[in-house]
Amino acid sequence: MTSSDLTTSVTRRTAAAVAVLTLAGGWLGEAPGAAGVLAGGALALGSFRWLAARIVAVSAGQAMPTAWVAVTGLRLAAVAALAAMAFAGGWVHPIALLAGYTVLPVALVVQGLRLAREDSGSWT
């Protein structure tokens, strides 16, 4: 499996799970619940895709610019500022945002376990 296949697979699984959880968040927490799950999932997917693109670029032999570290810090600061404004405005529920953000790591671990099982032929 190539890195592109991995990124695509994790993105699809995460998007599908976030869609289902958005419906559940809307039912439980109304609009702020649905918006929180959707925003968390979008933030997680955006960060994952950005990181995956950087990893592919570095593994292809491109030099990592020193500004990359500064851009990463600014990106995280921007995400934190947007989340704080959304919380303060009451547009998203904090637990729903966390639920949406948590979907991606779970999808990534599941995909990793699936690949490990395919490589070894069994779980032992």
Protein backbone atom coordinates (compact mmCIF):
# COMPACT_ATOMS: atom_id res chain seq x y z
CA MET A 1 0.00 0.00 0.00
CA THR A 2 1.39 3.38 -0.96
CA SER A 3 1.23 6.46 1.22
CA SER A 4 -1.37 7.90 -1.16
CA ASP A 5 -3.54 4.79 -0.73
CA LEU A 6 -3.20 5.03 3.04
CA THR A 7 -4.11 8.71 3.07
CA THR A 8 -7.11 8.12 0.81
CA SER A 9 -8.35 5.15 2.83
CA VAL A 10 -8.06 6.95 6.17
CA THR A 11 -9.72 10.06 4.70
CA ARG A 12 -12.68 8.05 3.37
CA ARG A 13 -13.17 6.14 6.61
CA THR A 14 -12.92 9.28 8.69
CA ALA A 15 -15.34 11.21 6.47
CA ALA A 16 -17.89 8.39 6.63
CA ALA A 17 -17.63 8.11 10.41
CA VAL A 18 -17.83 11.89 10.85
CA ALA A 19 -20.98 11.97 8.69
CA VAL A 20 -22.66 9.40 10.92
CA LEU A 21 -21.47 11.10 14.10
CA THR A 22 -22.68 14.46 12.79
CA LEU A 23 -26.20 13.05 12.60
CA ALA A 24 -25.86 11.69 16.13
CA GLY A 25 -24.40 14.99 17.34
CA GLY A 26 -27.32 16.84 15.77
CA TRP A 27 -29.80 14.56 17.46
CA LEU A 28 -28.13 14.81 20.87
CA GLY A 29 -26.82 18.37 20.83
CA GLU A 30 -28.88 19.99 18.09
CA ALA A 31 -27.04 22.46 15.82
CA PRO A 32 -24.00 23.04 18.11
CA GLY A 33 -23.55 19.28 18.46
CA ALA A 34 -23.66 18.64 14.73
CA ALA A 35 -21.45 21.63 13.98
CA GLY A 36 -18.95 20.53 16.62
CA VAL A 37 -18.57 17.02 15.22
CA LEU A 38 -18.32 18.34 11.68
CA ALA A 39 -15.77 21.01 12.64
CA GLY A 40 -13.66 18.54 14.62
CA GLY A 41 -13.65 16.05 11.77
CA ALA A 42 -12.75 18.76 9.24
CA LEU A 43 -9.90 20.05 11.42
CA ALA A 44 -8.53 16.54 11.91
CA LEU A 45 -8.73 15.69 8.21
CA GLY A 46 -7.16 18.98 7.18
CA SER A 47 -4.26 18.50 9.58
CA PHE A 48 -3.79 14.88 8.53
CA ARG A 49 -3.78 15.66 4.81
CA TRP A 50 -1.35 18.55 5.33
CA LEU A 51 1.00 16.38 7.38
CA ALA A 52 0.77 13.51 4.89
CA ALA A 53 1.66 15.86 2.03
CA ARG A 54 4.70 17.12 3.95
CA ILE A 55 5.85 13.56 4.67
CA VAL A 56 5.53 12.56 1.02
CA ALA A 57 7.49 15.65 -0.03
CA VAL A 58 10.30 14.94 2.43
CA SER A 59 10.46 11.24 1.53
CA ALA A 60 10.72 12.22 -2.16
CA GLY A 61 13.95 14.04 -1.36
CA GLN A 62 12.70 17.60 -1.17
CA ALA A 63 14.41 19.64 1.52
CA MET A 64 12.21 20.73 4.38
CA PRO A 65 12.24 24.52 4.58
CA THR A 66 13.04 26.01 7.96
CA ALA A 67 9.83 28.03 7.74
CA TRP A 68 7.93 24.74 8.01
CA VAL A 69 8.27 24.76 11.79
CA ALA A 70 6.95 28.33 12.01
CA VAL A 71 4.05 27.54 9.68
CA THR A 72 3.18 24.50 11.79
CA GLY A 73 3.11 26.61 14.94
CA LEU A 74 0.97 29.27 13.27
CA ARG A 75 -1.42 26.62 11.96
CA LEU A 76 -1.89 25.19 15.44
CA ALA A 77 -2.38 28.68 16.88
CA ALA A 78 -4.98 29.43 14.22
CA VAL A 79 -6.85 26.19 14.97
CA ALA A 80 -6.84 27.00 18.69
CA ALA A 81 -8.08 30.56 18.05
CA LEU A 82 -10.88 29.36 15.76
CA ALA A 83 -11.93 26.72 18.29
CA ALA A 84 -11.94 29.28 21.11
CA MET A 85 -14.09 31.68 19.06
CA ALA A 86 -16.49 28.88 18.13
CA PHE A 87 -16.80 27.82 21.79
CA ALA A 88 -17.26 31.38 23.02
CA GLY A 89 -19.88 32.09 20.37
CA GLY A 90 -21.79 28.93 21.26
CA TRP A 91 -21.61 27.70 17.67
CA VAL A 92 -20.09 24.33 18.56
CA HIS A 93 -20.25 22.07 21.57
CA PRO A 94 -16.76 21.33 22.97
CA ILE A 95 -17.40 17.61 23.50
CA ALA A 96 -18.82 17.29 20.00
CA LEU A 97 -15.72 18.96 18.56
CA LEU A 98 -13.52 16.55 20.49
CA ALA A 99 -15.60 13.60 19.27
CA GLY A 100 -15.18 14.69 15.67
CA TYR A 101 -11.46 15.27 16.12
CA THR A 102 -11.01 11.83 17.70
CA VAL A 103 -12.42 9.93 14.72
CA LEU A 104 -9.25 10.29 12.65
CA PRO A 105 -6.81 8.66 15.11
CA VAL A 106 -9.20 5.74 15.51
CA ALA A 107 -9.48 5.33 11.73
CA LEU A 108 -5.70 5.50 11.42
CA VAL A 109 -5.15 2.82 14.08
CA VAL A 110 -7.80 0.56 12.51
CA GLN A 111 -6.13 0.91 9.11
CA GLY A 112 -2.72 0.17 10.64
CA LEU A 113 -4.05 -2.96 12.33
CA ARG A 114 -5.65 -4.08 9.08
CA LEU A 115 -2.37 -3.63 7.21
CA ALA A 116 -0.43 -5.47 9.94
CA ARG A 117 -2.85 -8.38 9.74
CA GLU A 118 -2.50 -8.52 5.94
CA ASP A 119 1.30 -8.49 6.23
CA SER A 120 1.51 -11.20 8.86
CA GLY A 121 -1.37 -13.33 7.66
CA SER A 122 -2.76 -13.65 11.18
CA TRP A 123 -3.15 -11.82 14.47
CA THR A 124 -0.53 -13.88 16.28
